[in-house]
């Protein structure tokens, strides 16, 4: 394990110097011998190991760093070795070690990367590996790494936009749950104690229902929390074991299908643009997209397009037969084919659908946010009305 050595030593001229060295104890002693340093004091600090998971952001950083190193003319294996010496994340180190071993065994980068990720049970968009393998075919790995970096950056932006958009509504929902717990587990049970059994039985229906619920939850608090814990644990286990196609699920929800289509077309157009810029033919680019997780309708359309293009059909004509592709896209694709500028057209379409996706998400959330607030307000209003009616009823009983 590496350590950080902070030392004080005497050099040949008799001057005292201070320094810091990161590495193993053997490396530190070797450094002292080479520089002919007479050690007077040393403090060793064990380097902390990061055992966190290898994330999508780590993969993006790896591709970016590898791109800059190979762009400078450094061989792939040496670049990977340099990266393995700079990271502190254990999972990252293992991935880089596997990649380096595979490269030395004669494997290509795409194959080595795929095996390294599989060993760590890490799932990466299959199209990401395709960018590198395609670049290896044409003999330009550096270009492939740059294209992959652009593609991953674009995906990261979409994920960030979605998370940012959902943050406030989820915060409101969470606060609603907290308020509900406080009301039913703390406030209502204490308020209920001011009524005798006979008075409680004479309360108005809404007051009786609310106060009875509070009393029941307070009396069975342990069981209530146990049930909630079991439900949450069950959902976690269920979602871990069962793979749900959220895209297909939301696509079937009214008012959300257009948002999902915009997101899917953004991914497709962005990938096609990147691959065409890299020198790939349209048929090979469509073939690479077959491995991407897409809506069944869109995946079938791309398969049909690949088949028809090989028969001499234009992409715009094939896309025109599908209801999932907007007519405005067809017109622009036709212009791109006529002017031999499909790569630029795909880029423009990806931006268009990305903007439409963001706008539609904001529109939905602009409705969701006040709906959650109104729902919370109605819930609290019911509680307040129930308590007020109970107080008024108690006054009538006393009178």
Protein backbone atom coordinates (compact mmCIF):
# COMPACT_ATOMS: atom_id res chain seq x y z
CA UNK A 1 0.00 0.00 0.00
CA UNK A 2 1.22 3.47 -0.85
CA UNK A 3 2.06 6.01 1.84
CA UNK A 4 2.92 9.69 1.95
CA UNK A 5 6.35 10.37 3.47
CA UNK A 6 7.07 13.86 4.80
CA UNK A 7 10.78 13.95 5.50
CA UNK A 8 13.74 16.08 6.48
CA UNK A 9 17.16 15.19 5.11
CA UNK A 10 20.70 16.45 4.63
CA UNK A 11 22.09 16.76 1.09
CA UNK A 12 25.75 16.44 0.07
CA UNK A 13 26.54 20.12 0.69
CA UNK A 14 25.34 19.80 4.27
CA UNK A 15 22.14 21.79 3.66
CA UNK A 16 18.97 20.55 5.39
CA UNK A 17 15.94 20.15 3.08
CA UNK A 18 12.34 19.14 3.55
CA UNK A 19 10.23 17.18 1.12
CA UNK A 20 7.28 14.90 0.50
CA UNK A 21 7.13 11.58 -1.35
CA UNK A 22 4.16 9.39 -2.30
CA UNK A 23 4.76 5.69 -2.85
CA UNK A 24 5.71 2.47 -1.12
CA UNK A 25 8.38 2.28 1.58
CA UNK A 26 10.71 0.50 -0.84
CA UNK A 27 10.25 3.28 -3.43
CA UNK A 28 10.97 5.89 -0.74
CA UNK A 29 14.19 4.19 0.33
CA UNK A 30 15.26 3.83 -3.31
CA UNK A 31 14.65 7.57 -3.85
CA UNK A 32 16.84 8.42 -0.83
CA UNK A 33 19.66 6.26 -2.23
CA UNK A 34 19.47 7.78 -5.72
CA UNK A 35 19.49 11.35 -4.43
CA UNK A 36 22.06 10.49 -1.75
CA UNK A 37 19.99 12.00 1.04
CA UNK A 38 20.81 11.50 4.70
CA UNK A 39 17.48 11.16 6.45
CA UNK A 40 17.10 13.01 9.75
CA UNK A 41 13.36 12.66 10.34
CA UNK A 42 10.35 11.20 8.55
CA UNK A 43 6.59 11.02 9.06
CA UNK A 44 4.66 8.29 7.25
CA UNK A 45 0.93 8.67 6.53
CA UNK A 46 -0.98 5.80 4.99
CA UNK A 47 -2.75 6.81 1.79
CA UNK A 48 -6.52 6.58 2.21
CA UNK A 49 -8.26 4.12 -0.11
CA UNK A 50 -11.54 5.17 -1.74
CA UNK A 51 -13.82 2.11 -1.79
CA UNK A 52 -16.75 3.88 -3.46
CA UNK A 53 -18.29 2.52 -6.66
CA UNK A 54 -17.10 3.31 -10.16
CA UNK A 55 -19.71 5.75 -11.49
CA UNK A 56 -20.81 7.15 -14.84
CA UNK A 57 -18.91 10.33 -13.97
CA UNK A 58 -15.75 8.27 -13.33
CA UNK A 59 -16.14 6.67 -16.76
CA UNK A 60 -16.55 10.09 -18.37
CA UNK A 61 -13.42 11.35 -16.56
CA UNK A 62 -11.49 8.25 -17.68
CA UNK A 63 -12.41 8.75 -21.33
CA UNK A 64 -11.55 12.48 -21.19
CA UNK A 65 -8.17 11.90 -19.53
CA UNK A 66 -7.33 9.02 -21.87
CA UNK A 67 -8.24 11.21 -24.86
CA UNK A 68 -5.85 14.00 -23.84
CA UNK A 69 -3.01 11.56 -23.11
CA UNK A 70 -3.36 9.74 -26.45
CA UNK A 71 -3.78 13.05 -28.27
CA UNK A 72 -0.34 14.06 -26.97
CA UNK A 73 1.11 11.00 -28.69
CA UNK A 74 1.33 8.70 -25.66
CA UNK A 75 0.68 4.99 -26.38
CA UNK A 76 -2.57 3.57 -24.99
CA UNK A 77 -0.90 1.18 -22.53
CA UNK A 78 1.36 3.89 -21.12
CA UNK A 79 -1.59 6.30 -20.82
CA UNK A 80 -3.59 3.70 -18.85
CA UNK A 81 -0.58 3.09 -16.59
CA UNK A 82 -0.27 6.83 -15.89
CA UNK A 83 -3.96 7.01 -14.94
CA UNK A 84 -3.65 4.01 -12.61
CA UNK A 85 -0.90 5.84 -10.70
CA UNK A 86 -3.01 8.96 -10.12
CA UNK A 87 -6.37 7.58 -8.97
CA UNK A 88 -7.16 6.66 -5.36
CA UNK A 89 -10.42 4.82 -6.05
CA UNK A 90 -9.95 1.07 -5.59
CA UNK A 91 -12.56 0.04 -8.19
CA UNK A 92 -11.01 2.43 -10.73
CA UNK A 93 -7.55 0.96 -10.08
CA UNK A 94 -8.84 -2.58 -10.63
CA UNK A 95 -10.47 -1.57 -13.91
CA UNK A 96 -7.30 0.11 -15.14
CA UNK A 97 -5.21 -2.90 -14.05
CA UNK A 98 -7.44 -5.26 -16.05
CA UNK A 99 -7.34 -2.97 -19.09
CA UNK A 100 -3.53 -2.80 -18.91
CA UNK A 101 -3.21 -6.59 -18.61
CA UNK A 102 -5.51 -7.13 -21.61
CA UNK A 103 -3.63 -4.56 -23.70
CA UNK A 104 -0.31 -6.25 -22.93
CA UNK A 105 -1.92 -9.57 -23.94
CA UNK A 106 -2.63 -8.10 -27.38
CA UNK A 107 -6.31 -7.19 -26.98
CA UNK A 108 -7.76 -3.97 -28.36
CA UNK A 109 -8.89 -1.17 -26.05
CA UNK A 110 -12.60 -1.78 -26.68
CA UNK A 111 -12.30 -5.47 -25.75
CA UNK A 112 -10.12 -4.72 -22.72
CA UNK A 113 -12.51 -2.03 -21.49
CA UNK A 114 -15.55 -4.27 -21.94
CA UNK A 115 -13.93 -7.07 -19.92
CA UNK A 116 -12.74 -4.72 -17.17
CA UNK A 117 -16.21 -3.25 -16.69
CA UNK A 118 -17.82 -6.70 -16.75
CA UNK A 119 -15.45 -7.89 -14.01
CA UNK A 120 -16.69 -5.06 -11.79
CA UNK A 121 -20.36 -5.68 -12.69
CA UNK A 122 -20.59 -2.18 -14.15
CA UNK A 123 -23.14 -1.53 -16.88
CA UNK A 124 -22.18 1.09 -19.45
CA UNK A 125 -24.18 2.09 -22.51
CA UNK A 126 -23.20 -0.50 -25.14
CA UNK A 127 -22.95 2.27 -27.71
CA UNK A 128 -20.04 3.72 -25.72
CA UNK A 129 -17.91 0.65 -26.44
CA UNK A 130 -19.02 0.78 -30.07
CA UNK A 131 -17.52 4.26 -30.48
CA UNK A 132 -14.09 2.91 -29.55
CA UNK A 133 -14.35 -0.32 -31.55
CA UNK A 134 -15.44 1.63 -34.64
CA UNK A 135 -12.51 4.02 -34.22
CA UNK A 136 -10.16 1.05 -33.93
CA UNK A 137 -11.45 -0.26 -37.26
CA UNK A 138 -10.54 2.98 -39.04
CA UNK A 139 -7.29 3.34 -37.11
CA UNK A 140 -8.12 6.47 -35.10
CA UNK A 141 -8.65 5.61 -31.44
CA UNK A 142 -8.03 9.19 -30.35
CA UNK A 143 -10.87 10.43 -32.54
CA UNK A 144 -13.13 7.70 -31.18
CA UNK A 145 -12.30 8.70 -27.61
CA UNK A 146 -13.17 12.32 -28.39
CA UNK A 147 -16.48 11.34 -29.98
CA UNK A 148 -17.28 9.13 -26.99
CA UNK A 149 -16.40 11.98 -24.64
CA UNK A 150 -18.84 14.28 -26.47
CA UNK A 151 -21.56 11.62 -26.39
CA UNK A 152 -21.10 10.92 -22.66
CA UNK A 153 -21.01 14.65 -21.89
CA UNK A 154 -24.30 15.08 -23.73
CA UNK A 155 -25.86 12.20 -21.77
CA UNK A 156 -24.59 13.68 -18.50
CA UNK A 157 -26.26 16.99 -19.35
CA UNK A 158 -29.60 15.26 -19.92
CA UNK A 159 -29.33 13.36 -16.61
CA UNK A 160 -28.41 16.57 -14.82
CA UNK A 161 -31.37 18.44 -16.32
CA UNK A 162 -33.79 15.70 -15.26
CA UNK A 163 -32.41 15.49 -11.70
CA UNK A 164 -32.47 19.26 -11.32
CA UNK A 165 -36.03 19.45 -12.58
CA UNK A 166 -37.26 16.72 -10.22
CA UNK A 167 -35.43 17.96 -7.11
CA UNK A 168 -38.03 20.51 -5.94
CA UNK A 169 -41.17 18.35 -6.50
CA UNK A 170 -39.56 15.46 -4.62
CA UNK A 171 -38.59 17.85 -1.83
CA UNK A 172 -42.22 18.97 -1.55
CA UNK A 173 -43.46 15.37 -1.51
CA UNK A 174 -40.91 14.51 1.19
CA UNK A 175 -41.99 17.46 3.31
CA UNK A 176 -45.62 16.41 2.87
CA UNK A 177 -44.79 12.97 4.25
CA UNK A 178 -42.91 14.50 7.21
CA UNK A 179 -45.82 16.85 8.00
CA UNK A 180 -48.26 13.92 7.83
CA UNK A 181 -46.18 11.94 10.31
CA UNK A 182 -45.97 14.87 12.74
CA UNK A 183 -49.72 15.47 12.59
CA UNK A 184 -50.86 11.86 12.98
CA UNK A 185 -48.20 10.61 15.39
CA UNK A 186 -47.76 13.65 17.65
CA UNK A 187 -50.44 16.35 17.38
CA UNK A 188 -53.72 14.45 16.92
CA UNK A 189 -53.08 11.76 19.59
CA UNK A 190 -52.43 14.43 22.23
CA UNK A 191 -55.48 16.44 21.18
CA UNK A 192 -57.66 13.33 21.38
CA UNK A 193 -56.95 12.91 25.11
CA UNK A 194 -59.20 15.88 26.02
CA UNK A 195 -62.30 13.89 25.02
CA UNK A 196 -63.94 11.22 27.13
CA UNK A 197 -65.12 8.01 25.49
CA UNK A 198 -68.72 9.25 25.33
CA UNK A 199 -67.69 12.65 23.93
CA UNK A 200 -65.44 10.99 21.38
CA UNK A 201 -68.32 8.86 20.14
CA UNK A 202 -70.47 11.97 19.59
CA UNK A 203 -67.88 13.80 17.41
CA UNK A 204 -68.78 14.74 13.79
CA UNK A 205 -67.86 12.14 11.19
CA UNK A 206 -64.78 13.92 9.81
CA UNK A 207 -63.45 14.68 13.30
CA UNK A 208 -64.07 11.11 14.47
CA UNK A 209 -62.27 9.65 11.42
CA UNK A 210 -59.20 11.90 11.72
CA UNK A 211 -58.82 11.59 15.50
CA UNK A 212 -59.43 7.81 15.42
CA UNK A 213 -56.70 7.43 12.80
CA UNK A 214 -54.28 9.43 14.95
CA UNK A 215 -55.10 7.41 18.07
CA UNK A 216 -54.71 4.11 16.22
CA UNK A 217 -51.32 5.06 14.74
CA UNK A 218 -50.10 6.34 18.11
CA UNK A 219 -51.19 3.12 19.84
CA UNK A 220 -49.52 0.97 17.17
CA UNK A 221 -46.53 3.16 16.38
CA UNK A 222 -44.05 0.28 16.42
CA UNK A 223 -46.15 -1.83 14.09
CA UNK A 224 -46.77 1.15 11.79
CA UNK A 225 -43.05 1.85 11.40
CA UNK A 226 -42.36 -1.85 10.95
CA UNK A 227 -44.89 -2.06 8.10
CA UNK A 228 -43.44 1.06 6.48
CA UNK A 229 -39.93 -0.38 6.79
CA UNK A 230 -41.01 -3.72 5.28
CA UNK A 231 -42.72 -1.96 2.36
CA UNK A 232 -39.66 0.21 1.66
CA UNK A 233 -37.29 -2.79 1.92
CA UNK A 234 -39.58 -4.84 -0.33
CA UNK A 235 -39.62 -2.11 -2.96
CA UNK A 236 -35.83 -1.82 -2.86
CA UNK A 237 -35.39 -5.58 -3.30
CA UNK A 238 -38.04 -5.66 -6.03
CA UNK A 239 -36.42 -2.90 -8.09
CA UNK A 240 -32.98 -4.51 -7.68
CA UNK A 241 -34.12 -7.93 -8.87
CA UNK A 242 -36.70 -6.91 -11.46
CA UNK A 243 -35.60 -4.90 -14.47
CA UNK A 244 -38.25 -2.37 -15.41
CA UNK A 245 -38.17 -0.51 -18.70
CA UNK A 246 -39.05 2.92 -17.34
CA UNK A 247 -38.92 4.42 -20.82
CA UNK A 248 -41.60 2.04 -22.08
CA UNK A 249 -43.64 2.55 -18.90
CA UNK A 250 -43.68 6.36 -19.12
CA UNK A 251 -44.18 6.17 -22.89
CA UNK A 252 -47.59 4.58 -22.24
CA UNK A 253 -48.60 7.32 -19.80
CA UNK A 254 -50.73 10.05 -21.44
CA UNK A 255 -49.02 13.44 -21.75
CA UNK A 256 -45.60 11.82 -21.21
CA UNK A 257 -45.18 9.94 -24.49
CA UNK A 258 -44.03 13.05 -26.38
CA UNK A 259 -41.39 13.75 -23.71
CA UNK A 260 -40.02 10.20 -23.96
CA UNK A 261 -39.95 10.43 -27.77
CA UNK A 262 -37.99 13.69 -27.60
CA UNK A 263 -35.48 12.10 -25.20
CA UNK A 264 -35.05 8.98 -27.33
CA UNK A 265 -34.68 10.94 -30.57
CA UNK A 266 -32.14 13.20 -28.87
CA UNK A 267 -30.00 10.15 -28.07
CA UNK A 268 -30.41 8.63 -31.56
CA UNK A 269 -29.68 11.83 -33.50
CA UNK A 270 -26.73 12.74 -31.27
CA UNK A 271 -25.17 9.29 -31.70
CA UNK A 272 -25.70 9.31 -35.49
CA UNK A 273 -24.15 12.76 -35.77
CA UNK A 274 -21.10 11.75 -33.74
CA UNK A 275 -20.54 8.55 -35.72
CA UNK A 276 -20.94 10.26 -39.11
CA UNK A 277 -18.47 12.96 -38.10
CA UNK A 278 -16.06 10.16 -37.19
CA UNK A 279 -16.21 8.87 -40.76
CA UNK A 280 -18.69 6.04 -40.31
CA UNK A 281 -21.17 5.30 -43.11
CA UNK A 282 -24.87 5.73 -42.31
CA UNK A 283 -25.60 1.99 -42.58
CA UNK A 284 -22.81 1.11 -40.13
CA UNK A 285 -23.95 3.88 -37.81
CA UNK A 286 -27.49 2.48 -37.82
CA UNK A 287 -26.09 -0.99 -37.14
CA UNK A 288 -24.20 0.31 -34.10
CA UNK A 289 -27.44 1.76 -32.72
CA UNK A 290 -29.04 -1.69 -32.65
CA UNK A 291 -27.35 -2.37 -29.29
CA UNK A 292 -28.79 0.73 -27.61
CA UNK A 293 -31.78 0.46 -25.28
CA UNK A 294 -34.60 2.21 -27.15
CA UNK A 295 -38.37 2.12 -27.42
CA UNK A 296 -39.50 -0.99 -29.39
CA UNK A 297 -41.11 1.23 -32.06
CA UNK A 298 -37.91 3.22 -32.53
CA UNK A 299 -35.67 0.14 -32.48
CA UNK A 300 -37.83 -1.51 -35.16
CA UNK A 301 -37.71 1.66 -37.23
CA UNK A 302 -33.90 1.69 -37.15
CA UNK A 303 -33.82 -1.99 -38.18
CA UNK A 304 -36.15 -1.24 -41.07
CA UNK A 305 -34.08 1.80 -42.05
CA UNK A 306 -30.90 -0.30 -42.10
CA UNK A 307 -32.56 -2.90 -44.32
CA UNK A 308 -34.12 -0.36 -46.71
CA UNK A 309 -30.96 1.76 -47.03
CA UNK A 310 -29.05 -1.31 -48.20
CA UNK A 311 -31.73 -1.64 -50.90
CA UNK A 312 -31.16 1.92 -52.03
CA UNK A 313 -33.89 3.75 -50.12
CA UNK A 314 -33.29 7.15 -48.53
CA UNK A 315 -33.35 7.48 -44.76
CA UNK A 316 -35.88 10.33 -44.95
CA UNK A 317 -38.28 8.13 -46.96
CA UNK A 318 -38.07 5.32 -44.41
CA UNK A 319 -38.51 7.67 -41.45
CA UNK A 320 -41.49 9.29 -43.20
CA UNK A 321 -43.40 6.01 -42.86
CA UNK A 322 -43.19 6.13 -39.05
CA UNK A 323 -45.59 8.04 -36.80
CA UNK A 324 -42.92 8.41 -34.14
CA UNK A 325 -40.81 10.78 -36.29
CA UNK A 326 -42.14 14.37 -36.56
CA UNK A 327 -42.76 15.67 -40.09
CA UNK A 328 -40.41 18.60 -39.43
CA UNK A 329 -37.60 16.07 -38.90
CA UNK A 330 -38.35 14.40 -42.24
CA UNK A 331 -38.05 17.70 -44.10
CA UNK A 332 -34.69 18.50 -42.51
CA UNK A 333 -33.39 14.97 -43.13
CA UNK A 334 -34.30 15.31 -46.80
CA UNK A 335 -32.32 18.57 -46.96
CA UNK A 336 -29.37 16.87 -45.26
CA UNK A 337 -29.37 14.02 -47.74
CA UNK A 338 -29.68 16.38 -50.70
CA UNK A 339 -26.84 18.61 -49.48
CA UNK A 340 -24.57 15.82 -48.16
CA UNK A 341 -24.73 17.34 -44.67
CA UNK A 342 -26.48 14.62 -42.69
CA UNK A 343 -24.02 14.87 -39.78
CA UNK A 344 -24.84 18.56 -39.27
CA UNK A 345 -28.56 17.88 -39.66
CA UNK A 346 -28.46 15.10 -37.05
CA UNK A 347 -26.64 17.45 -34.69
CA UNK A 348 -29.27 20.15 -35.25
CA UNK A 349 -32.10 17.66 -34.69
CA UNK A 350 -30.55 16.37 -31.47
CA UNK A 351 -30.35 19.93 -30.13
CA UNK A 352 -33.93 20.61 -31.25
CA UNK A 353 -35.31 17.56 -29.45
CA UNK A 354 -33.12 18.17 -26.41
CA UNK A 355 -34.56 21.67 -26.08
CA UNK A 356 -38.08 20.31 -26.60
CA UNK A 357 -37.47 17.66 -23.93
CA UNK A 358 -36.27 20.27 -21.41
CA UNK A 359 -39.18 22.61 -22.21
CA UNK A 360 -41.80 19.85 -21.86
CA UNK A 361 -40.29 18.60 -18.59
CA UNK A 362 -40.42 22.14 -17.18
CA UNK A 363 -44.02 22.44 -18.36
CA UNK A 364 -45.03 19.21 -16.60
CA UNK A 365 -43.20 20.24 -13.44
CA UNK A 366 -44.80 23.68 -13.52
CA UNK A 367 -48.09 21.80 -13.07
CA UNK A 368 -46.74 19.18 -10.65
CA UNK A 369 -45.23 21.66 -8.17
CA UNK A 370 -48.43 23.63 -7.45
CA UNK A 371 -50.42 20.36 -7.51
CA UNK A 372 -48.26 18.99 -4.68
CA UNK A 373 -48.58 22.27 -2.76
CA UNK A 374 -52.36 22.32 -3.23
CA UNK A 375 -52.59 18.67 -2.21
CA UNK A 376 -50.62 19.35 0.97
CA UNK A 377 -52.77 22.42 1.64
CA UNK A 378 -56.00 20.42 1.22
CA UNK A 379 -54.68 17.70 3.53
CA UNK A 380 -53.79 20.20 6.26
CA UNK A 381 -57.12 22.01 5.73
CA UNK A 382 -59.00 18.74 6.36
CA UNK A 383 -57.06 18.22 9.60
CA UNK A 384 -57.72 21.80 10.73
CA UNK A 385 -61.45 21.54 9.89
CA UNK A 386 -61.67 18.22 11.75
CA UNK A 387 -60.03 19.71 14.85
CA UNK A 388 -62.17 22.88 14.71
CA UNK A 389 -65.37 20.86 14.37
CA UNK A 390 -64.27 18.72 17.31
CA UNK A 391 -63.70 21.84 19.43
CA UNK A 392 -67.07 23.26 18.42
CA UNK A 393 -68.73 19.95 19.16
CA UNK A 394 -67.12 19.87 22.60
CA UNK A 395 -68.50 23.38 23.26
CA UNK A 396 -71.98 22.19 22.31
CA UNK A 397 -71.66 19.21 24.63
CA UNK A 398 -70.64 21.43 27.55
CA UNK A 399 -73.50 23.87 26.78
